[in-house]
Amino acid sequence: MIVINRYDDDCENEYRNLRDNYKSIVDYLEENTEYIELVNFKYEGRESEYDTRFFNVIYDNIIEKSSVMRWAGTPKGPDDSNMYKIKASKELFDFMREQKFFFRAKKGGFLFDNLESQADIAFYNKNNICLLYTTTEEAIIGIYDEKIEKIAKGN
């Protein structure tokens, strides 16, 4: 398992490798993801057209919505956050392929390049093992999967 922080100079090469291979990682995640957890995504219908499109992509695949104080890559927080558990779908991964990366890297805090919404995202396989997660506001990517870890390390 490795954790890559966008703002840590010691992780610069790993971050660049992930960014340069983003579409390959999305392909791999599509093949191996059973469900996704999306935390702190707030959609009220007044956000950008991309937020609306993203919400429409995930809406029919929401398995459950719950309130959590902890999720992949975070310690237990002081406040509850909304978490959507979403069934992996071709439409979601197609949407992801249109993006440049998992989060807006220059500004941080936003899920994908065109969205106005902040959110953290985690990808789980059929054995409920997290393959990859982001804590978007902190610009962190955690990798539990060996193949994605090799990509990050440039192998």
N, C-alpha and C. Protein backbone atom coordinates (compact mmCIF):
# COMPACT_ATOMS: atom_id res chain seq x y z
N MET A 1 0.84 -1.18 0.00
CA MET A 1 0.00 0.00 0.00
C MET A 1 0.88 1.23 0.00
N ILE A 2 0.55 2.18 -0.86
CA ILE A 2 1.26 3.46 -0.86
C ILE A 2 0.26 4.60 -0.85
N VAL A 3 0.71 5.71 -0.28
CA VAL A 3 -0.10 6.93 -0.25
C VAL A 3 0.70 8.01 -0.95
N ILE A 4 0.07 8.67 -1.91
CA ILE A 4 0.74 9.70 -2.70
C ILE A 4 0.03 11.03 -2.45
N ASN A 5 0.78 11.99 -1.96
CA ASN A 5 0.25 13.32 -1.72
C ASN A 5 0.75 14.24 -2.82
N ARG A 6 -0.15 14.87 -3.51
CA ARG A 6 0.18 15.76 -4.63
C ARG A 6 1.14 16.87 -4.21
N TYR A 7 1.05 17.29 -2.96
CA TYR A 7 1.85 18.43 -2.51
C TYR A 7 3.14 18.01 -1.80
N ASP A 8 3.46 16.72 -1.82
CA ASP A 8 4.69 16.22 -1.22
C ASP A 8 5.72 16.03 -2.33
N ASP A 9 6.79 16.81 -2.31
CA ASP A 9 7.81 16.73 -3.36
C ASP A 9 8.41 15.34 -3.49
N ASP A 10 8.44 14.56 -2.41
CA ASP A 10 8.99 13.21 -2.47
C ASP A 10 8.11 12.26 -3.29
N CYS A 11 6.88 12.65 -3.56
CA CYS A 11 5.95 11.81 -4.32
C CYS A 11 5.75 12.30 -5.75
N GLU A 12 6.55 13.25 -6.17
CA GLU A 12 6.34 13.88 -7.48
C GLU A 12 6.36 12.88 -8.63
N ASN A 13 7.32 11.96 -8.64
CA ASN A 13 7.40 10.99 -9.74
C ASN A 13 6.20 10.04 -9.74
N GLU A 14 5.78 9.57 -8.56
CA GLU A 14 4.65 8.67 -8.48
C GLU A 14 3.38 9.37 -8.95
N TYR A 15 3.21 10.60 -8.51
CA TYR A 15 2.03 11.36 -8.91
C TYR A 15 2.01 11.53 -10.43
N ARG A 16 3.14 11.90 -11.02
CA ARG A 16 3.22 12.09 -12.47
C ARG A 16 2.91 10.77 -13.18
N ASN A 17 3.43 9.66 -12.68
CA ASN A 17 3.15 8.36 -13.30
C ASN A 17 1.66 8.04 -13.26
N LEU A 18 1.00 8.34 -12.15
CA LEU A 18 -0.44 8.10 -12.06
C LEU A 18 -1.19 8.98 -13.05
N ARG A 19 -0.81 10.24 -13.10
CA ARG A 19 -1.49 11.19 -13.99
C ARG A 19 -1.27 10.80 -15.46
N ASP A 20 -0.05 10.43 -15.81
CA ASP A 20 0.26 10.06 -17.19
C ASP A 20 -0.45 8.77 -17.61
N ASN A 21 -0.78 7.93 -16.66
CA ASN A 21 -1.40 6.64 -16.95
C ASN A 21 -2.85 6.58 -16.47
N TYR A 22 -3.47 7.73 -16.29
CA TYR A 22 -4.82 7.80 -15.74
C TYR A 22 -5.81 6.92 -16.50
N LYS A 23 -5.82 7.00 -17.82
CA LYS A 23 -6.81 6.25 -18.60
C LYS A 23 -6.59 4.73 -18.46
N SER A 24 -5.35 4.30 -18.38
CA SER A 24 -5.07 2.87 -18.17
C SER A 24 -5.55 2.42 -16.79
N ILE A 25 -5.38 3.30 -15.80
CA ILE A 25 -5.84 2.98 -14.45
C ILE A 25 -7.36 2.88 -14.43
N VAL A 26 -8.03 3.80 -15.12
CA VAL A 26 -9.50 3.75 -15.20
C VAL A 26 -9.95 2.45 -15.87
N ASP A 27 -9.27 2.04 -16.94
CA ASP A 27 -9.60 0.77 -17.60
C ASP A 27 -9.46 -0.40 -16.61
N TYR A 28 -8.36 -0.39 -15.86
CA TYR A 28 -8.12 -1.46 -14.88
C TYR A 28 -9.18 -1.43 -13.78
N LEU A 29 -9.50 -0.23 -13.29
CA LEU A 29 -10.53 -0.12 -12.25
C LEU A 29 -11.88 -0.61 -12.77
N GLU A 30 -12.20 -0.29 -14.02
CA GLU A 30 -13.48 -0.74 -14.57
C GLU A 30 -13.57 -2.26 -14.56
N GLU A 31 -12.48 -2.93 -14.90
CA GLU A 31 -12.46 -4.39 -14.93
C GLU A 31 -12.56 -5.01 -13.54
N ASN A 32 -12.10 -4.29 -12.52
CA ASN A 32 -11.94 -4.89 -11.20
C ASN A 32 -12.80 -4.29 -10.09
N THR A 33 -13.58 -3.27 -10.40
CA THR A 33 -14.38 -2.61 -9.37
C THR A 33 -15.80 -3.17 -9.35
N GLU A 34 -16.24 -3.52 -8.16
CA GLU A 34 -17.62 -3.98 -7.94
C GLU A 34 -18.51 -2.80 -7.54
N TYR A 35 -17.97 -1.96 -6.65
CA TYR A 35 -18.74 -0.79 -6.22
C TYR A 35 -17.79 0.34 -5.82
N ILE A 36 -18.36 1.53 -5.72
CA ILE A 36 -17.62 2.74 -5.43
C ILE A 36 -18.27 3.39 -4.22
N GLU A 37 -17.45 3.95 -3.35
CA GLU A 37 -17.97 4.79 -2.28
C GLU A 37 -17.62 6.23 -2.60
N LEU A 38 -18.62 7.08 -2.55
CA LEU A 38 -18.47 8.50 -2.84
C LEU A 38 -18.92 9.26 -1.60
N VAL A 39 -18.01 10.02 -1.00
CA VAL A 39 -18.30 10.69 0.26
C VAL A 39 -18.24 12.20 0.07
N ASN A 40 -19.18 12.87 0.68
CA ASN A 40 -19.26 14.34 0.68
C ASN A 40 -19.64 14.93 -0.67
N PHE A 41 -20.21 14.14 -1.56
CA PHE A 41 -20.70 14.69 -2.82
C PHE A 41 -22.04 15.33 -2.53
N LYS A 42 -22.12 16.62 -2.73
CA LYS A 42 -23.35 17.36 -2.47
C LYS A 42 -23.92 17.84 -3.79
N TYR A 43 -25.06 17.31 -4.12
CA TYR A 43 -25.72 17.75 -5.35
C TYR A 43 -27.10 18.28 -4.99
N GLU A 44 -27.33 19.54 -5.32
CA GLU A 44 -28.61 20.17 -5.00
C GLU A 44 -29.32 20.68 -6.24
N GLY A 45 -28.75 20.42 -7.43
CA GLY A 45 -29.38 20.83 -8.67
C GLY A 45 -29.00 22.22 -9.14
N ARG A 46 -28.16 22.91 -8.38
CA ARG A 46 -27.73 24.25 -8.76
C ARG A 46 -26.27 24.29 -9.19
N GLU A 47 -25.64 23.14 -9.23
CA GLU A 47 -24.23 23.08 -9.58
C GLU A 47 -24.06 23.13 -11.10
N SER A 48 -22.86 22.89 -11.56
CA SER A 48 -22.58 22.99 -12.99
C SER A 48 -23.27 21.87 -13.78
N GLU A 49 -23.26 22.04 -15.11
CA GLU A 49 -23.83 21.00 -15.97
C GLU A 49 -23.08 19.68 -15.82
N TYR A 50 -21.80 19.76 -15.50
CA TYR A 50 -21.01 18.53 -15.31
C TYR A 50 -21.44 17.81 -14.04
N ASP A 51 -21.72 18.57 -12.98
CA ASP A 51 -22.20 17.96 -11.74
C ASP A 51 -23.54 17.27 -11.99
N THR A 52 -24.41 17.92 -12.75
CA THR A 52 -25.71 17.33 -13.07
C THR A 52 -25.51 16.06 -13.88
N ARG A 53 -24.63 16.11 -14.85
CA ARG A 53 -24.36 14.92 -15.67
C ARG A 53 -23.79 13.78 -14.81
N PHE A 54 -22.83 14.11 -13.95
CA PHE A 54 -22.25 13.10 -13.06
C PHE A 54 -23.33 12.51 -12.16
N PHE A 55 -24.17 13.36 -11.57
CA PHE A 55 -25.24 12.87 -10.70
C PHE A 55 -26.17 11.94 -11.48
N ASN A 56 -26.51 12.30 -12.71
CA ASN A 56 -27.38 11.45 -13.53
C ASN A 56 -26.72 10.11 -13.84
N VAL A 57 -25.41 10.11 -14.00
CA VAL A 57 -24.68 8.86 -14.27
C VAL A 57 -24.74 7.93 -13.07
N ILE A 58 -24.59 8.48 -11.87
CA ILE A 58 -24.55 7.61 -10.68
C ILE A 58 -25.93 7.32 -10.10
N TYR A 59 -26.91 8.16 -10.37
CA TYR A 59 -28.20 8.09 -9.67
C TYR A 59 -28.85 6.70 -9.70
N ASP A 60 -28.97 6.10 -10.86
CA ASP A 60 -29.64 4.80 -10.98
C ASP A 60 -28.82 3.65 -10.41
N ASN A 61 -27.57 3.92 -10.09
CA ASN A 61 -26.71 2.86 -9.57
C ASN A 61 -26.40 3.01 -8.08
N ILE A 62 -27.10 3.92 -7.40
CA ILE A 62 -26.89 4.08 -5.96
C ILE A 62 -27.47 2.86 -5.25
N ILE A 63 -26.61 2.18 -4.51
CA ILE A 63 -27.02 0.99 -3.75
C ILE A 63 -27.58 1.43 -2.41
N GLU A 64 -26.88 2.36 -1.77
CA GLU A 64 -27.36 2.88 -0.49
C GLU A 64 -26.72 4.24 -0.21
N LYS A 65 -27.39 4.98 0.63
CA LYS A 65 -26.87 6.26 1.11
C LYS A 65 -26.86 6.18 2.62
N SER A 66 -25.73 6.55 3.23
CA SER A 66 -25.64 6.46 4.68
C SER A 66 -24.83 7.62 5.23
N SER A 67 -24.87 7.76 6.51
CA SER A 67 -24.10 8.78 7.20
C SER A 67 -22.90 8.10 7.85
N VAL A 68 -21.71 8.60 7.60
CA VAL A 68 -20.48 7.98 8.13
C VAL A 68 -19.60 9.03 8.80
N MET A 69 -18.74 8.56 9.69
CA MET A 69 -17.77 9.45 10.32
C MET A 69 -16.34 9.09 9.88
N ARG A 70 -16.22 7.97 9.15
CA ARG A 70 -14.91 7.51 8.68
C ARG A 70 -15.09 6.82 7.34
N TRP A 71 -14.11 6.98 6.44
CA TRP A 71 -14.13 6.31 5.15
C TRP A 71 -12.70 6.14 4.69
N ALA A 72 -12.51 5.50 3.56
CA ALA A 72 -11.16 5.16 3.07
C ALA A 72 -10.24 6.37 3.11
N GLY A 73 -9.11 6.22 3.79
CA GLY A 73 -8.09 7.26 3.82
C GLY A 73 -8.29 8.34 4.86
N THR A 74 -9.29 8.20 5.72
CA THR A 74 -9.54 9.25 6.71
C THR A 74 -9.60 8.66 8.11
N PRO A 75 -9.19 9.46 9.10
CA PRO A 75 -9.43 9.05 10.49
C PRO A 75 -10.89 9.33 10.82
N LYS A 76 -11.34 8.86 11.93
CA LYS A 76 -12.71 9.16 12.35
C LYS A 76 -12.85 10.66 12.52
N GLY A 77 -13.85 11.22 11.86
CA GLY A 77 -14.05 12.65 11.90
C GLY A 77 -15.02 13.07 12.99
N PRO A 78 -15.07 14.36 13.25
CA PRO A 78 -15.97 14.85 14.29
C PRO A 78 -17.43 14.95 13.82
N ASP A 79 -17.63 15.02 12.51
CA ASP A 79 -18.97 15.21 11.97
C ASP A 79 -19.35 14.07 11.03
N ASP A 80 -20.65 13.86 10.90
CA ASP A 80 -21.14 12.88 9.94
C ASP A 80 -21.01 13.44 8.53
N SER A 81 -20.75 12.55 7.59
CA SER A 81 -20.70 12.90 6.18
C SER A 81 -21.58 11.93 5.42
N ASN A 82 -22.15 12.38 4.31
CA ASN A 82 -22.97 11.51 3.48
C ASN A 82 -22.08 10.63 2.62
N MET A 83 -22.42 9.36 2.56
CA MET A 83 -21.69 8.44 1.69
C MET A 83 -22.69 7.72 0.80
N TYR A 84 -22.39 7.71 -0.50
CA TYR A 84 -23.15 6.94 -1.47
C TYR A 84 -22.34 5.70 -1.82
N LYS A 85 -22.98 4.56 -1.73
CA LYS A 85 -22.39 3.33 -2.25
C LYS A 85 -23.01 3.12 -3.62
N ILE A 86 -22.17 3.04 -4.64
CA ILE A 86 -22.63 3.04 -6.02
C ILE A 86 -22.14 1.79 -6.74
N LYS A 87 -23.04 1.11 -7.42
CA LYS A 87 -22.65 -0.04 -8.23
C LYS A 87 -21.81 0.47 -9.40
N ALA A 88 -20.69 -0.18 -9.65
CA ALA A 88 -19.84 0.20 -10.77
C ALA A 88 -20.62 0.04 -12.07
N SER A 89 -20.43 1.00 -12.98
CA SER A 89 -21.15 0.94 -14.25
C SER A 89 -20.26 1.44 -15.38
N LYS A 90 -20.56 0.97 -16.57
CA LYS A 90 -19.83 1.41 -17.76
C LYS A 90 -19.96 2.93 -17.92
N GLU A 91 -21.15 3.47 -17.66
CA GLU A 91 -21.37 4.91 -17.82
C GLU A 91 -20.47 5.72 -16.90
N LEU A 92 -20.29 5.25 -15.68
CA LEU A 92 -19.43 5.96 -14.73
C LEU A 92 -17.98 5.97 -15.23
N PHE A 93 -17.50 4.83 -15.68
CA PHE A 93 -16.11 4.77 -16.14
C PHE A 93 -15.93 5.52 -17.46
N ASP A 94 -16.95 5.54 -18.30
CA ASP A 94 -16.89 6.37 -19.51
C ASP A 94 -16.78 7.85 -19.13
N PHE A 95 -17.56 8.27 -18.14
CA PHE A 95 -17.48 9.65 -17.65
C PHE A 95 -16.07 9.94 -17.13
N MET A 96 -15.52 8.99 -16.38
CA MET A 96 -14.17 9.18 -15.82
C MET A 96 -13.12 9.31 -16.92
N ARG A 97 -13.27 8.55 -17.99
CA ARG A 97 -12.30 8.62 -19.09
C ARG A 97 -12.27 10.00 -19.75
N GLU A 98 -13.36 10.73 -19.66
CA GLU A 98 -13.41 12.08 -20.23
C GLU A 98 -12.66 13.10 -19.37
N GLN A 99 -12.32 12.72 -18.15
CA GLN A 99 -11.64 13.62 -17.23
C GLN A 99 -10.13 13.48 -17.39
N LYS A 100 -9.40 14.42 -16.79
CA LYS A 100 -7.94 14.36 -16.86
C LYS A 100 -7.34 13.59 -15.70
N PHE A 101 -8.04 13.55 -14.58
CA PHE A 101 -7.50 12.87 -13.41
C PHE A 101 -8.60 12.68 -12.38
N PHE A 102 -8.28 12.05 -11.26
CA PHE A 102 -9.27 11.78 -10.22
C PHE A 102 -9.73 13.04 -9.50
N PHE A 103 -8.88 14.04 -9.43
CA PHE A 103 -9.28 15.30 -8.82
C PHE A 103 -8.55 16.44 -9.50
N ARG A 104 -9.07 17.63 -9.34
CA ARG A 104 -8.47 18.82 -9.94
C ARG A 104 -7.16 19.11 -9.22
N ALA A 105 -6.07 18.81 -9.86
CA ALA A 105 -4.77 18.82 -9.19
C ALA A 105 -4.24 20.20 -8.87
N LYS A 106 -4.52 21.18 -9.68
CA LYS A 106 -3.95 22.50 -9.44
C LYS A 106 -4.64 23.21 -8.28
N LYS A 107 -5.94 23.01 -8.13
CA LYS A 107 -6.66 23.68 -7.07
C LYS A 107 -6.95 22.75 -5.89
N GLY A 108 -7.02 21.46 -6.15
CA GLY A 108 -7.36 20.52 -5.08
C GLY A 108 -8.80 20.71 -4.65
N GLY A 109 -9.34 19.74 -3.96
CA GLY A 109 -10.64 19.89 -3.37
C GLY A 109 -11.82 19.54 -4.25
N PHE A 110 -11.62 19.34 -5.54
CA PHE A 110 -12.74 19.07 -6.42
C PHE A 110 -12.56 17.72 -7.11
N LEU A 111 -13.63 16.94 -7.12
CA LEU A 111 -13.61 15.64 -7.77
C LEU A 111 -13.68 15.85 -9.28
N PHE A 112 -12.73 15.35 -10.01
CA PHE A 112 -12.63 15.48 -11.46
C PHE A 112 -12.47 16.94 -11.88
N ASP A 113 -12.10 17.13 -13.12
CA ASP A 113 -11.69 18.45 -13.60
C ASP A 113 -12.82 19.45 -13.73
N ASN A 114 -13.98 19.03 -14.15
CA ASN A 114 -15.04 19.98 -14.49
C ASN A 114 -16.11 20.13 -13.42
N LEU A 115 -16.04 19.34 -12.36
CA LEU A 115 -17.08 19.39 -11.35
C LEU A 115 -16.82 20.52 -10.35
N GLU A 116 -17.90 21.06 -9.83
CA GLU A 116 -17.82 22.07 -8.78
C GLU A 116 -17.90 21.41 -7.41
N SER A 117 -18.21 20.13 -7.39
CA SER A 117 -18.44 19.42 -6.13
C SER A 117 -17.16 18.83 -5.57
N GLN A 118 -17.06 18.92 -4.26
CA GLN A 118 -15.99 18.23 -3.56
C GLN A 118 -16.49 16.84 -3.23
N ALA A 119 -15.61 15.88 -3.26
CA ALA A 119 -15.98 14.52 -2.87
C ALA A 119 -14.73 13.67 -2.79
N ASP A 120 -14.81 12.64 -1.98
CA ASP A 120 -13.77 11.62 -1.93
C ASP A 120 -14.36 10.39 -2.61
N ILE A 121 -13.50 9.61 -3.26
CA ILE A 121 -13.99 8.45 -3.99
C ILE A 121 -13.08 7.26 -3.71
N ALA A 122 -13.68 6.08 -3.57
CA ALA A 122 -12.92 4.85 -3.34
C ALA A 122 -13.52 3.74 -4.20
N PHE A 123 -12.65 2.90 -4.73
CA PHE A 123 -13.05 1.81 -5.62
C PHE A 123 -12.79 0.48 -4.91
N TYR A 124 -13.81 -0.38 -4.84
CA TYR A 124 -13.72 -1.66 -4.14
C TYR A 124 -13.97 -2.82 -5.08
N ASN A 125 -13.23 -3.91 -4.86
CA ASN A 125 -13.44 -5.11 -5.68
C ASN A 125 -14.55 -5.98 -5.08
N LYS A 126 -14.79 -7.14 -5.69
CA LYS A 126 -15.88 -8.01 -5.25
C LYS A 126 -15.64 -8.60 -3.86
N ASN A 127 -14.40 -8.53 -3.37
CA ASN A 127 -14.08 -9.02 -2.03
C ASN A 127 -14.09 -7.89 -0.99
N ASN A 128 -14.67 -6.74 -1.37
CA ASN A 128 -14.76 -5.57 -0.49
C ASN A 128 -13.40 -5.01 -0.10
N ILE A 129 -12.42 -5.19 -0.95
CA ILE A 129 -11.08 -4.64 -0.73
C ILE A 129 -10.93 -3.36 -1.54
N CYS A 130 -10.48 -2.31 -0.89
CA CYS A 130 -10.29 -1.03 -1.57
C CYS A 130 -9.08 -1.13 -2.49
N LEU A 131 -9.28 -0.81 -3.76
CA LEU A 131 -8.20 -0.83 -4.74
C LEU A 131 -7.46 0.51 -4.76
N LEU A 132 -8.24 1.60 -4.70
CA LEU A 132 -7.68 2.94 -4.79
C LEU A 132 -8.70 3.89 -4.17
N TYR A 133 -8.19 4.92 -3.47
CA TYR A 133 -9.08 5.95 -2.94
C TYR A 133 -8.42 7.31 -3.12
N THR A 134 -9.24 8.34 -3.08
CA THR A 134 -8.72 9.71 -3.02
C THR A 134 -9.36 10.42 -1.84
N THR A 135 -8.58 11.24 -1.19
CA THR A 135 -9.13 12.25 -0.29
C THR A 135 -8.82 13.55 -1.03
N THR A 136 -9.83 14.00 -1.70
CA THR A 136 -9.68 15.01 -2.74
C THR A 136 -9.19 16.36 -2.23
N GLU A 137 -9.77 16.85 -1.15
CA GLU A 137 -9.37 18.17 -0.65
C GLU A 137 -7.89 18.19 -0.28
N GLU A 138 -7.39 17.08 0.25
CA GLU A 138 -5.99 16.98 0.64
C GLU A 138 -5.09 16.57 -0.52
N ALA A 139 -5.68 16.25 -1.67
CA ALA A 139 -4.96 15.82 -2.87
C ALA A 139 -4.12 14.57 -2.60
N ILE A 140 -4.75 13.58 -2.00
CA ILE A 140 -4.07 12.32 -1.65
C ILE A 140 -4.72 11.17 -2.40
N ILE A 141 -3.87 10.26 -2.86
CA ILE A 141 -4.33 9.02 -3.49
C ILE A 141 -3.71 7.86 -2.71
N GLY A 142 -4.56 6.97 -2.26
CA GLY A 142 -4.09 5.76 -1.58
C GLY A 142 -4.30 4.57 -2.49
N ILE A 143 -3.29 3.73 -2.58
CA ILE A 143 -3.34 2.59 -3.50
C ILE A 143 -3.10 1.31 -2.73
N TYR A 144 -4.05 0.39 -2.82
CA TYR A 144 -3.92 -0.91 -2.18
C TYR A 144 -3.69 -2.02 -3.20
N ASP A 145 -3.81 -1.70 -4.47
CA ASP A 145 -3.71 -2.70 -5.52
C ASP A 145 -2.29 -2.75 -6.09
N GLU A 146 -1.75 -3.94 -6.21
CA GLU A 146 -0.36 -4.14 -6.65
C GLU A 146 -0.11 -3.61 -8.07
N LYS A 147 -1.04 -3.86 -8.98
CA LYS A 147 -0.85 -3.42 -10.37
C LYS A 147 -0.83 -1.88 -10.46
N ILE A 148 -1.76 -1.21 -9.77
CA ILE A 148 -1.78 0.25 -9.80
C ILE A 148 -0.54 0.80 -9.09
N GLU A 149 -0.10 0.13 -8.05
CA GLU A 149 1.11 0.56 -7.33
C GLU A 149 2.33 0.49 -8.27
N LYS A 150 2.40 -0.55 -9.09
CA LYS A 150 3.51 -0.65 -10.06
C LYS A 150 3.49 0.50 -11.07
N ILE A 151 2.30 0.89 -11.50
CA ILE A 151 2.17 2.02 -12.41
C ILE A 151 2.70 3.28 -11.74
N ALA A 152 2.30 3.48 -10.48
CA ALA A 152 2.74 4.66 -9.74
C ALA A 152 4.25 4.70 -9.59
N LYS A 153 4.84 3.54 -9.41
CA LYS A 153 6.30 3.48 -9.20
C LYS A 153 7.07 3.44 -10.52
N GLY A 154 6.34 3.43 -11.65
CA GLY A 154 6.99 3.47 -12.95
C GLY A 154 7.46 2.14 -13.44
N ASN A 155 6.92 1.06 -12.91
CA ASN A 155 7.33 -0.31 -13.35
C ASN A 155 6.41 -0.84 -14.44
